[in-house]
Protein backbone atom coordinates (compact mmCIF):
# COMPACT_ATOMS: atom_id res chain seq x y z
CA MET A 1 0.00 0.00 0.00
CA SER A 2 1.40 3.39 -0.98
CA ASN A 3 -0.61 5.28 1.65
CA ALA A 4 -1.06 8.07 -0.91
CA PHE A 5 -4.19 10.10 -0.31
CA ALA A 6 -5.75 13.44 -1.14
CA ILE A 7 -8.57 15.61 0.12
CA GLU A 8 -11.40 16.55 -2.22
CA TRP A 9 -14.47 18.70 -1.64
CA GLN A 10 -18.04 17.66 -2.31
CA GLU A 11 -20.56 20.14 -3.74
CA THR A 12 -21.90 20.65 -0.21
CA GLY A 13 -18.49 21.96 0.86
CA LYS A 14 -17.61 18.87 2.95
CA PRO A 15 -14.03 17.57 2.57
CA VAL A 16 -13.52 13.85 1.92
CA VAL A 17 -10.35 11.77 1.90
CA VAL A 18 -9.60 9.72 -1.22
CA GLY A 19 -6.75 7.31 -1.85
CA ASP A 20 -5.07 4.44 -0.04
CA ILE A 21 -6.77 4.79 3.33
CA PRO A 22 -9.42 2.82 5.19
CA PRO A 23 -12.91 3.78 3.95
CA SER A 24 -14.03 4.61 7.49
CA VAL A 25 -11.68 7.59 7.86
CA ASP A 26 -13.46 10.94 7.98
CA VAL A 27 -11.90 14.40 8.02
CA SER A 28 -12.89 17.95 8.88
CA LEU A 29 -11.13 21.23 8.14
CA SER A 30 -11.53 24.77 9.41
CA HIS A 31 -9.69 28.08 9.11
CA ASP A 32 -10.11 31.66 10.24
CA GLY A 33 -7.93 33.39 7.68
CA SER A 34 -4.54 33.05 9.39
CA LYS A 35 -4.86 29.72 11.23
CA SER A 36 -6.02 26.30 10.07
CA LEU A 37 -7.41 23.36 12.01
CA SER A 38 -8.07 19.76 11.00
CA SER A 39 -9.30 16.55 12.56
CA ALA A 40 -9.48 12.95 11.37
CA GLY A 41 -10.85 9.72 12.77
CA ASP A 42 -13.08 6.72 12.18
CA TRP A 43 -16.19 8.56 13.39
CA PRO A 44 -17.98 11.55 11.77
CA GLN A 45 -15.62 14.50 12.04
CA GLY A 46 -16.40 18.13 12.73
CA CYS A 47 -14.03 20.85 13.90
CA ASP A 48 -14.06 24.62 14.00
CA ILE A 49 -11.68 27.44 14.92
CA GLU A 50 -13.10 30.87 15.70
CA PRO A 51 -11.33 34.06 16.82
CA ILE A 52 -13.07 35.74 19.73
CA ARG A 53 -14.59 38.93 18.36
CA SER A 54 -16.30 41.70 20.30
CA ARG A 55 -20.04 41.98 19.58
CA THR A 56 -22.99 43.54 21.35
CA VAL A 57 -25.63 41.45 23.10
CA VAL A 58 -28.06 42.23 20.26
CA GLN A 59 -25.55 41.04 17.66
CA TRP A 60 -24.84 37.81 19.54
CA LYS A 61 -28.56 37.09 19.90
CA ALA A 62 -29.02 37.65 16.18
CA LEU A 63 -26.14 35.33 15.28
CA LEU A 64 -26.95 32.56 17.74
CA GLY A 65 -30.75 32.52 17.49
CA SER A 66 -33.25 32.59 20.32
CA ALA A 67 -32.92 28.85 21.09
CA ARG A 68 -29.30 29.31 22.21
CA ILE A 69 -29.81 32.38 24.39
CA PRO A 70 -30.38 30.27 27.57
CA LEU A 71 -27.04 28.53 26.93
CA LEU A 72 -25.38 31.91 26.44
CA ASP A 73 -26.83 33.11 29.73
CA GLU A 74 -25.72 29.92 31.51
CA LEU A 75 -22.14 30.28 30.30
CA ILE A 76 -22.03 33.93 31.34
CA ALA A 77 -23.50 33.06 34.75
CA GLY A 78 -20.63 30.59 35.14
CA GLY A 79 -18.09 33.38 34.76
CA GLU A 80 -17.50 33.44 31.00
CA SER A 81 -17.39 36.73 29.09
CA LEU A 82 -20.13 37.51 26.56
CA ASP A 83 -17.79 37.26 23.57
CA ARG A 84 -16.10 34.04 24.65
CA ALA A 85 -19.46 32.41 25.45
CA GLY A 86 -20.99 33.48 22.14
CA THR A 87 -17.97 32.32 20.15
CA ARG A 88 -17.97 28.97 22.01
CA LEU A 89 -21.61 28.32 21.09
CA TRP A 90 -21.06 29.34 17.47
CA ALA A 91 -18.02 27.05 17.13
CA ALA A 92 -19.85 24.13 18.77
CA ALA A 93 -22.78 24.43 16.37
CA GLU A 94 -20.48 24.68 13.35
CA ALA A 95 -18.53 21.55 14.36
CA ILE A 96 -21.74 19.54 14.81
CA ARG A 97 -23.10 20.84 11.51
CA LYS A 98 -19.97 19.63 9.72
CA ALA A 99 -20.17 16.20 11.36
CA THR A 100 -23.89 15.64 10.77
CA GLY A 101 -24.63 17.65 7.64
CA GLN A 102 -27.58 19.20 9.47
CA MET A 103 -28.21 22.86 8.76
CA SER A 104 -30.40 23.27 11.84
CA VAL A 105 -28.38 22.24 14.91
CA SER A 106 -29.77 22.02 18.42
CA LEU A 107 -27.41 22.37 21.38
CA ALA A 108 -27.65 21.22 24.98
CA MET A 109 -25.14 21.81 27.77
CA GLY A 110 -22.94 18.83 28.61
CA ALA A 111 -19.93 18.67 30.92
CA ARG A 112 -17.92 21.64 32.13
CA GLU A 113 -14.45 21.58 33.69
CA GLU A 114 -12.41 24.78 34.01
CA ASP A 115 -12.24 26.29 30.48
CA ALA A 116 -13.43 23.15 28.66
CA VAL A 117 -17.14 22.71 27.91
CA THR A 118 -18.93 19.95 26.02
CA PHE A 119 -22.28 20.26 24.26
CA ARG A 120 -24.69 17.71 22.86
CA GLY A 121 -26.41 18.02 19.51
CA GLY A 122 -27.49 16.09 16.44
CA ALA A 123 -30.22 13.46 16.40
CA GLU A 124 -31.41 12.86 19.98
CA GLY A 125 -28.28 14.60 21.30
CA SER A 126 -26.05 11.76 20.10
CA VAL A 127 -23.17 14.01 18.98
CA VAL A 128 -20.81 15.47 21.59
CA VAL A 129 -18.55 18.42 20.81
CA LEU A 130 -15.66 19.54 23.01
CA THR A 131 -14.87 23.27 23.09
CA PHE A 132 -11.98 25.09 24.74
CA PRO A 133 -10.02 28.34 24.34
CA ALA A 134 -6.47 28.33 23.00
CA LEU A 135 -3.82 31.05 22.81
CA LEU A 136 -1.91 30.50 19.57
CA THR A 137 1.35 31.93 18.21
CA ASP A 138 -0.14 35.29 17.26
CA ASN A 139 -1.17 35.77 20.91
CA GLU A 140 -4.85 35.96 19.94
CA GLU A 141 -7.28 33.75 21.83
CA ARG A 142 -9.49 31.47 19.79
CA ILE A 143 -12.16 28.89 20.53
CA LEU A 144 -11.49 25.39 19.19
CA ALA A 145 -14.27 22.84 18.79
CA PHE A 146 -13.95 19.11 18.04
CA VAL A 147 -16.66 16.48 17.66
CA THR A 148 -15.55 13.58 19.86
CA ASP A 149 -15.82 9.83 19.45
CA GLU A 150 -19.42 9.04 20.35
CA ALA A 151 -18.64 5.86 22.31
CA ASP A 152 -15.91 7.54 24.35
CA ALA A 153 -18.04 10.63 24.80
CA GLU A 154 -20.94 8.59 26.18
CA GLU A 155 -18.70 7.26 28.96
CA ARG A 156 -17.24 10.68 29.80
CA VAL A 157 -20.50 12.60 29.90
CA SER A 158 -22.79 9.94 31.38
CA ASP A 159 -22.51 11.44 34.85
CA GLU A 160 -23.46 14.86 33.50
CA ALA A 161 -26.39 13.41 31.58
CA ASP A 162 -27.71 11.63 34.67
CA ALA A 163 -27.35 14.74 36.81
CA GLU A 164 -29.00 16.91 34.18
CA GLU A 165 -31.90 14.51 33.77
CA SER A 166 -32.51 14.31 37.52
CA ALA A 167 -32.36 18.10 37.84
CA GLN A 168 -34.99 18.71 35.18
CA ASP A 169 -38.60 19.28 36.08
CA PRO A 170 -40.78 16.17 35.72
CA ALA A 171 -42.14 15.79 32.21
CA PRO A 172 -45.85 16.65 31.93
CA GLN A 173 -48.11 13.61 31.84
CA PHE A 174 -51.06 13.31 29.46
CA ASP A 175 -52.58 10.03 30.53
CA THR A 176 -56.20 10.92 29.85
CA GLY A 177 -58.18 13.06 27.49
CA PRO A 178 -57.69 13.77 23.78
CA LEU A 179 -54.20 15.29 24.23
CA SER A 180 -52.52 12.02 25.13
CA ALA A 181 -48.83 11.24 24.88
CA LYS A 182 -49.66 9.12 21.86
CA SER A 183 -51.31 11.99 20.04
CA LEU A 184 -48.48 14.37 20.92
CA ALA A 185 -45.98 11.94 19.44
CA GLN A 186 -47.64 12.35 16.03
CA PHE A 187 -46.45 15.96 15.76
CA ASP A 188 -43.09 16.61 14.13
CA PRO A 189 -41.03 18.89 16.41
CA MET A 190 -38.78 19.74 13.45
CA ALA A 191 -41.68 21.19 11.43
CA TYR A 192 -41.14 24.58 13.05
CA GLY A 193 -37.82 26.11 13.88
CA SER A 194 -35.18 28.74 13.21
CA ASP A 195 -31.41 28.77 13.16
CA VAL A 196 -28.45 30.99 12.39
CA HIS A 197 -25.63 29.20 10.61
CA VAL A 198 -22.84 29.69 8.10
CA VAL A 199 -23.93 28.69 4.61
CA ALA A 200 -21.39 26.28 3.13
CA ARG A 201 -21.33 27.70 -0.38
CA SER A 202 -20.83 31.32 0.74
CA GLY A 203 -19.10 31.12 4.12
CA TYR A 204 -21.34 33.83 5.55
CA PRO A 205 -24.01 33.67 8.26
CA ALA A 206 -27.67 33.31 7.32
CA VAL A 207 -30.96 32.92 9.16
CA SER A 208 -33.10 29.87 8.36
CA ILE A 209 -36.77 29.61 9.30
CA ARG A 210 -38.75 26.41 8.83
CA PHE A 211 -42.52 25.81 8.78
CA PRO A 212 -45.13 23.47 7.24
CA VAL A 213 -47.11 24.37 4.11
CA GLY A 214 -50.72 25.12 4.99
CA PHE A 215 -53.96 24.43 3.14
CA ARG A 216 -54.31 28.08 2.09
CA ASP A 217 -50.81 28.19 0.61
CA ALA A 218 -51.49 25.47 -1.99
CA CYS A 219 -53.86 27.47 -4.20
CA ASN A 220 -52.58 26.52 -7.66
CA VAL A 221 -55.06 24.67 -9.85
CA GLY A 222 -53.09 21.44 -9.47
CA GLY A 223 -52.71 21.75 -5.69
CA SER A 224 -49.15 23.10 -5.47
CA VAL A 225 -48.10 26.32 -3.74
CA GLY A 226 -49.00 29.48 -5.67
CA PHE A 227 -46.70 32.40 -6.39
CA ALA A 228 -48.56 34.77 -4.07
CA SER A 229 -47.88 32.41 -1.15
CA PHE A 230 -44.13 32.71 -1.71
CA ALA A 231 -44.47 36.50 -1.59
CA LEU A 232 -46.41 36.36 1.68
CA TRP A 233 -43.82 33.94 3.12
CA LEU A 234 -41.10 36.39 2.09
CA GLY A 235 -42.76 39.09 4.15
CA ALA A 236 -43.19 36.75 7.11
CA LEU A 237 -39.52 35.72 7.01
CA ARG A 238 -38.42 39.34 6.84
CA GLU A 239 -40.38 40.03 10.01
CA ARG A 240 -39.44 36.84 11.88
CA GLY A 241 -35.81 37.31 10.88
CA THR A 242 -35.72 40.62 12.77
CA GLY A 243 -37.31 39.06 15.86
CA PRO A 244 -34.60 40.16 18.34
CA ILE A 245 -35.26 43.83 17.50
CA SER A 246 -38.93 43.65 16.48
CA LYS A 247 -40.09 45.36 19.68
CA GLN A 248 -37.90 48.38 18.94
CA ILE A 249 -39.07 48.46 15.31
CA VAL A 250 -42.72 48.40 16.34
CA GLU A 251 -42.13 51.15 18.91
CA ASP A 252 -40.58 53.37 16.24
CA MET A 253 -43.38 52.68 13.77
CA ALA A 254 -46.04 53.30 16.42
CA THR A 255 -44.92 56.93 16.58
CA GLY A 256 -46.32 57.47 13.09
CA ARG A 257 -43.07 59.12 12.06
CA TRP A 258 -40.98 56.13 10.98
CA GLY A 259 -41.58 53.18 8.71
CA MET A 260 -40.15 50.73 6.17
CA VAL A 261 -41.33 50.61 2.57
CA THR A 262 -40.85 47.91 -0.06
CA ASN A 263 -39.12 49.17 -3.21
CA ASN A 264 -39.35 45.92 -5.15
CA SER A 265 -39.72 42.20 -4.65
CA GLU A 266 -39.73 39.08 -6.79
CA VAL A 267 -40.34 35.34 -6.74
CA PHE A 268 -38.69 32.54 -8.76
CA ILE A 269 -40.37 29.12 -8.63
CA ASP A 270 -38.24 26.18 -9.81
CA ALA A 271 -40.09 23.20 -8.26
CA ASN A 272 -43.35 22.18 -6.60
CA LEU A 273 -44.39 22.36 -2.96
CA TYR A 274 -47.56 20.85 -1.49
CA THR A 275 -49.63 21.00 1.66
CA ASP A 276 -47.86 19.35 4.63
CA ASP A 277 -44.43 19.70 3.03
CA ILE A 278 -41.89 21.33 5.34
CA VAL A 279 -40.43 24.44 3.73
CA GLU A 280 -37.32 26.26 4.90
CA GLY A 281 -36.38 29.78 3.90
CA THR A 282 -32.75 30.82 4.30
CA ILE A 283 -32.25 34.59 4.38
CA TRP A 284 -29.25 36.60 3.19
CA ILE A 285 -28.66 40.34 3.31
CA THR A 286 -26.34 41.04 0.41
CA GLU A 287 -25.63 44.73 0.94
CA LEU A 288 -26.83 48.02 2.36
CA THR A 289 -27.27 50.61 -0.40
CA GLY A 290 -28.74 54.00 -1.19
CA PRO A 291 -28.40 57.31 0.65
CA ASP A 292 -27.12 56.77 4.19
CA ARG A 293 -27.15 52.99 3.45
CA ALA A 294 -30.83 52.99 4.45
CA THR A 295 -31.81 50.37 1.86
CA THR A 296 -31.63 46.66 2.66
CA ASN A 297 -31.34 43.99 -0.05
CA LEU A 298 -32.79 40.72 1.19
CA HIS A 299 -32.54 37.34 -0.55
CA VAL A 300 -34.18 34.03 0.30
CA GLU A 301 -33.66 30.48 -0.94
CA TRP A 302 -36.66 28.19 -0.48
CA CYS A 303 -36.04 24.48 0.16
CA ARG A 304 -38.24 21.50 0.89
CA VAL A 305 -37.00 19.69 4.00
CA ASP A 306 -37.40 15.93 4.36
CA GLY A 307 -35.31 14.67 7.26
CA GLU A 308 -31.74 15.65 6.44
CA THR A 309 -32.51 16.19 2.73
CA ARG A 310 -33.05 19.69 1.39
CA THR A 311 -34.42 20.14 -2.13
CA HIS A 312 -34.20 23.53 -3.83
CA ILE A 313 -37.64 24.97 -4.64
CA GLY A 314 -37.08 28.59 -5.58
CA TRP A 315 -35.79 32.05 -4.73
CA SER A 316 -37.18 35.36 -3.55
CA ALA A 317 -35.73 38.84 -3.18
CA MET A 318 -36.85 42.10 -1.63
CA GLN A 319 -35.47 45.61 -1.33
CA THR A 320 -36.72 47.81 1.51
CA THR A 321 -35.85 51.30 2.74
CA TRP A 322 -36.15 52.91 6.16
CA VAL A 323 -38.24 56.08 5.76
CA GLU A 324 -39.63 59.07 7.55
CA ILE A 325 -43.39 59.52 7.03
CA LEU A 326 -43.87 63.14 5.96
CA SER A 327 -47.62 63.10 5.36
CA HIS A 328 -50.41 60.73 4.32
CA GLY A 329 -48.79 58.37 1.79
CA VAL A 330 -45.66 60.55 1.43
CA VAL A 331 -42.29 59.27 2.70
CA ALA A 332 -38.59 60.07 2.41
CA ALA A 333 -35.55 57.82 2.89
CA ARG A 334 -33.71 58.34 6.17
CA PRO A 335 -30.77 56.62 7.94
CA MET A 336 -31.90 53.48 9.72
CA PRO A 337 -31.74 53.51 13.54
CA GLN A 338 -28.43 52.47 15.08
CA TYR A 339 -29.95 49.37 16.73
CA PHE A 340 -31.22 48.24 13.30
CA HIS A 341 -27.83 48.83 11.68
CA ASP A 342 -26.02 46.98 14.48
CA PHE A 343 -28.37 44.01 14.06
CA ILE A 344 -28.02 43.77 10.27
CA GLU A 345 -24.33 44.55 9.82
CA PRO A 346 -22.90 41.23 11.13
CA MET A 347 -25.05 39.27 8.67
CA THR A 348 -24.45 41.52 5.65
CA ILE A 349 -22.49 39.84 2.88
CA PRO A 350 -19.85 42.10 1.26
CA THR A 351 -20.47 43.36 -2.26
CA GLY A 352 -18.94 41.00 -4.79
CA ALA A 353 -19.13 37.85 -2.67
CA LYS A 354 -19.74 34.76 -4.78
CA ASN A 355 -22.62 32.28 -4.76
CA VAL A 356 -25.00 34.30 -2.64
CA ALA A 357 -27.35 36.28 -4.89
CA VAL A 358 -30.59 35.02 -6.39
CA PRO A 359 -30.88 34.73 -10.19
CA THR A 360 -31.75 37.80 -12.23
CA GLN A 361 -33.71 35.81 -14.80
CA PRO A 362 -35.92 32.70 -14.57
CA LYS A 363 -34.65 29.39 -15.88
CA ASP A 364 -34.44 29.19 -19.66
CA VAL A 365 -37.07 26.71 -20.84
CA ASP A 366 -38.41 26.09 -24.33
CA ARG A 367 -41.75 27.83 -24.60
CA GLY A 368 -42.02 27.33 -28.34
CA SER A 369 -42.48 29.86 -31.11
CA LEU A 370 -43.56 33.44 -30.48
CA ILE A 371 -47.16 33.99 -31.58
CA ARG A 372 -47.64 37.66 -30.69
CA SER A 373 -45.74 40.33 -28.75
CA ALA A 374 -46.76 43.78 -27.60
CA PRO A 375 -45.28 46.77 -29.45
CA MET A 376 -42.54 48.75 -27.70
CA VAL A 377 -44.59 51.83 -26.86
CA PRO A 378 -45.00 53.76 -23.56
CA ARG A 379 -48.45 52.30 -22.88
CA ASN A 380 -49.07 48.61 -23.58
CA PRO A 381 -52.15 48.45 -25.85
CA TYR A 382 -52.78 44.71 -25.35
CA LEU A 383 -55.09 44.93 -22.34
CA LEU A 384 -56.52 41.56 -21.31
CA GLU A 385 -58.25 42.19 -17.96
CA SER A 386 -58.68 44.76 -15.20
CA GLU A 387 -60.32 45.09 -11.81
CA VAL A 388 -60.68 47.74 -9.10
CA PHE A 389 -59.94 46.66 -5.52
CA SER A 390 -61.28 48.67 -2.57
CA THR A 391 -58.77 48.52 0.27
CA THR A 392 -59.37 48.65 4.02
CA MET A 393 -57.29 48.35 7.17
CA GLN A 394 -57.32 44.58 6.57
CA ASP A 395 -54.97 45.19 3.62
CA GLY A 396 -52.54 47.31 5.66
CA ASN A 397 -49.87 46.66 8.27
CA VAL A 398 -48.24 48.26 11.31
CA VAL A 399 -46.56 50.90 9.12
CA GLY A 400 -49.99 52.10 8.00
CA ASN A 401 -49.62 51.55 4.25
CA ILE A 402 -50.95 48.73 2.07
CA TYR A 403 -48.90 45.55 2.56
CA PHE A 404 -46.72 44.59 -0.43
CA GLY A 405 -48.12 41.04 -0.52
CA ASN A 406 -51.47 42.36 -1.75
CA TYR A 407 -49.90 43.24 -5.09
CA TYR A 408 -49.26 39.54 -5.71
CA ILE A 409 -52.72 38.54 -4.52
CA TRP A 410 -54.25 41.08 -6.91
CA GLN A 411 -52.15 39.64 -9.76
CA SER A 412 -53.56 36.20 -9.01
CA ARG A 413 -57.15 37.42 -8.82
CA VAL A 414 -57.02 39.38 -12.09
CA ARG A 415 -55.21 36.58 -13.94
CA ASP A 416 -57.66 33.92 -12.72
CA LYS A 417 -60.59 36.13 -13.70
CA PHE A 418 -59.29 36.22 -17.28
CA LEU A 419 -58.45 32.50 -17.40
CA ALA A 420 -61.91 31.54 -16.17
CA ARG A 421 -63.39 32.82 -19.44
CA SER A 422 -61.86 30.07 -21.55
CA GLN A 423 -60.37 27.60 -19.04
CA ARG A 424 -63.12 27.08 -16.50
CA GLU A 425 -63.25 23.35 -17.29
CA ALA A 426 -59.47 22.97 -16.84
CA MET A 427 -59.55 24.94 -13.60
CA ALA A 428 -62.37 22.79 -12.26
CA ALA A 429 -60.38 19.65 -13.16
CA ARG A 430 -57.77 20.55 -10.52
CA GLY A 431 -54.85 20.35 -12.92
CA ALA A 432 -55.78 17.12 -14.68
CA LEU A 433 -56.18 19.03 -17.97
CA GLY A 434 -53.14 21.23 -17.39
CA GLU A 435 -52.65 24.66 -15.84
CA LEU A 436 -50.93 27.99 -16.40
CA ARG A 437 -48.03 28.16 -13.92
CA CYS A 438 -46.19 31.29 -12.84
CA VAL A 439 -42.43 30.66 -12.72
CA HIS A 440 -41.33 34.25 -12.08
CA THR A 441 -42.91 37.54 -11.09
CA ARG A 442 -41.45 40.86 -9.98
CA VAL A 443 -43.17 43.97 -8.60
CA GLU A 444 -41.58 47.45 -8.75
CA HIS A 445 -43.20 50.00 -6.42
CA LEU A 446 -43.35 53.67 -7.42
CA ARG A 447 -45.35 55.22 -4.58
CA GLU A 448 -47.37 54.27 -1.53
CA VAL A 449 -51.09 53.57 -1.27
CA MET A 450 -53.08 53.68 1.95
CA PRO A 451 -56.13 51.88 3.37
CA PHE A 452 -59.47 52.99 1.88
CA ASP A 453 -57.83 53.96 -1.41
CA ASP A 454 -59.21 52.24 -4.52
CA VAL A 455 -56.61 50.40 -6.61
CA LEU A 456 -57.07 49.62 -10.31
CA VAL A 457 -55.06 46.62 -11.49
CA THR A 458 -54.65 46.04 -15.23
CA MET A 459 -53.22 42.94 -16.93
CA SER A 460 -51.77 43.21 -20.43
CA LEU A 461 -50.05 40.80 -22.79
CA THR A 462 -46.31 41.19 -23.24
CA ALA A 463 -45.69 38.04 -25.30
CA LEU A 464 -47.71 34.99 -26.34
CA TYR A 465 -45.78 31.78 -27.02
CA GLU A 466 -46.88 28.28 -27.99
CA ARG A 467 -46.24 27.06 -24.43
CA GLY A 468 -46.41 30.12 -22.23
CA ILE A 469 -47.49 33.72 -21.73
CA ASP A 470 -45.66 36.82 -20.47
CA LEU A 471 -47.88 39.35 -18.73
CA GLU A 472 -47.55 42.90 -17.46
CA PHE A 473 -49.52 44.26 -14.52
CA GLU A 474 -49.97 47.93 -13.70
CA TYR A 475 -51.38 49.30 -10.46
CA PHE A 476 -53.09 52.70 -10.16
CA LYS A 477 -54.63 54.65 -7.32
CA VAL A 478 -58.06 55.85 -8.46
CA ASN A 479 -58.77 59.31 -7.07
CA GLN A 480 -62.26 60.59 -6.29
CA ASP A 481 -62.28 62.72 -9.45
CA GLY A 482 -61.49 59.66 -11.57
CA SER A 483 -57.84 60.54 -12.18
CA ARG A 484 -55.14 57.92 -11.67
CA GLU A 485 -51.73 57.76 -10.01
CA LYS A 486 -49.44 54.93 -10.99
CA LEU A 487 -48.40 52.87 -7.95
CA ALA A 488 -46.43 49.92 -9.31
CA ILE A 489 -45.66 47.73 -12.29
CA ALA A 490 -45.12 43.96 -12.39
CA ARG A 491 -43.76 41.36 -14.78
CA HIS A 492 -45.21 37.85 -14.77
CA ARG A 493 -43.84 34.83 -16.69
CA THR A 494 -45.87 31.64 -17.12
CA VAL A 495 -45.69 28.20 -18.71
CA TRP A 496 -48.49 25.75 -19.46
CA THR A 497 -47.83 22.43 -17.74
CA MET A 498 -49.55 19.06 -17.70
CA PRO A 499 -49.84 17.07 -14.47
CA GLY A 500 -46.96 14.91 -13.27
CA ALA A 501 -47.03 12.09 -10.73
CA PRO A 502 -48.80 12.90 -7.43
CA GLY A 503 -46.42 14.80 -5.18
CA GLU A 504 -43.89 15.26 -7.98
CA LEU A 505 -41.41 18.01 -7.06
CA GLU A 506 -40.19 18.76 -10.58
CA ILE A 507 -42.39 21.14 -12.58
CA SER A 508 -43.40 19.36 -15.78
CA PRO A 509 -41.83 20.64 -19.03
CA PRO A 510 -43.92 23.27 -20.83
CA SER A 511 -46.73 21.91 -23.00
CA LYS A 512 -48.68 23.63 -25.75
CA LEU A 513 -51.28 26.13 -24.62
CA PRO A 514 -54.88 25.07 -25.23
CA GLN A 515 -56.12 26.59 -28.47
CA SER A 516 -59.07 28.01 -26.57
CA LEU A 517 -56.68 30.04 -24.39
CA ILE A 518 -54.71 31.30 -27.39
CA ASP A 519 -57.97 32.34 -29.07
CA SER A 520 -59.13 34.10 -25.92
CA VAL A 521 -55.90 36.13 -25.73
CA LEU A 522 -55.98 37.09 -29.42
CA GLU A 523 -59.65 38.04 -29.27
CA ALA A 524 -58.98 40.31 -26.30
CA ILE A 525 -56.09 42.19 -27.92
CA ASP A 526 -57.58 42.32 -31.43
CA GLY A 527 -60.95 43.50 -30.16
CA LYS A 528 -62.97 40.74 -31.83
């Protein structure tokens, strides 16, 4: 045996050893720019090296996530500094993530002796990670973390586990009634959750939030999740992702002077999601832009989660600006509050970083020959459908304006109204006869609209293909004298798809549009 070997990297970013070595050998690598760390053994490896950096309490809570705050408090209560405790928890989670491949890592306190602390994580707490500080040659203290041999770890931490178990409050008993232990066991505790972790392909921190798909979300004709649901999820993730500072945000907005407005947003759908699927949105902030860096650029990747498997579903993006409210519906960009800046800055990816931004165009699929396209004139003459929506407080939010998600809902309503003219039978067939699927839509906001304003939404043809349709939506505020003010414009790309196998994740290749739909479009634009 030559004992020659090499280290290669999988697409996930995990290193693997290849060559003349036993197949059971695993390896893990870590570096912090100037120092490198590695571990190897015949059990799943995970190691991490982290310099101890000074951060505020708010920043540490944002990085660690709410589930780890009790551990942070426990370490500090034991005499550890805020920055060492936070770095220790971050390194422990990273080491376990490398060993298990799990993006969402739970942590529980294990043994503690002087400066060394162990934590449990992974499935049922089966993975033990040892953490300790080290002063290296550059005289800068770092936290090192190593996943230990599970069998050896069980022996070393068994006393701690027994003591911890005996110290816990008795578990609640549900021996009678409908909420029995048996019924509780049917609920998946992993269906809801959040985490802050470093994304392998970018090397930067991101917030992940996980939840099950509800009945209302799956409103496509064929039973998959509709494009408007992704937009509403995007808004929900934006708000849940700022949870540690949400109270301060709400207090500022409650004054009536400050707010946040959406400049633009978009949704890319690359695969199917269905009711009861578990969806996870991972959030990146790519840069702060605009005057006084008051504009935040948010990106989300959507994945379907099945155990340890994550399947890419789509992307979303949103640009928002912190504003001062000058009068009813009139705002001006202003510097964001310091607490907001301090929260966002640690998770902001530098301009030019690779592999972090969402696509700028939907996937290129064959939609067949072009049948008709709108002329390049200031006002699209190919009007297909329109509707006026009367807004109320139900359409607003804490800022006081109309919530951005309504613009996607209005798209869906106007589009479905037009489709029902010629495709009522296909829509009633729940996808069995095919359906028009949105694969990308983007809304650009021009000005604000407020509750009790009337909003006219128009839908026009941009391009008609053999297997798909491109649409343009325009949004107008209708004043009492009948005049209009343009609020927003949207692009909307579709393909016609036939049904796949039940629960199929892949969107079926585009099929030819029904002739009845083509005729309906041409009749509308030609005035026949």
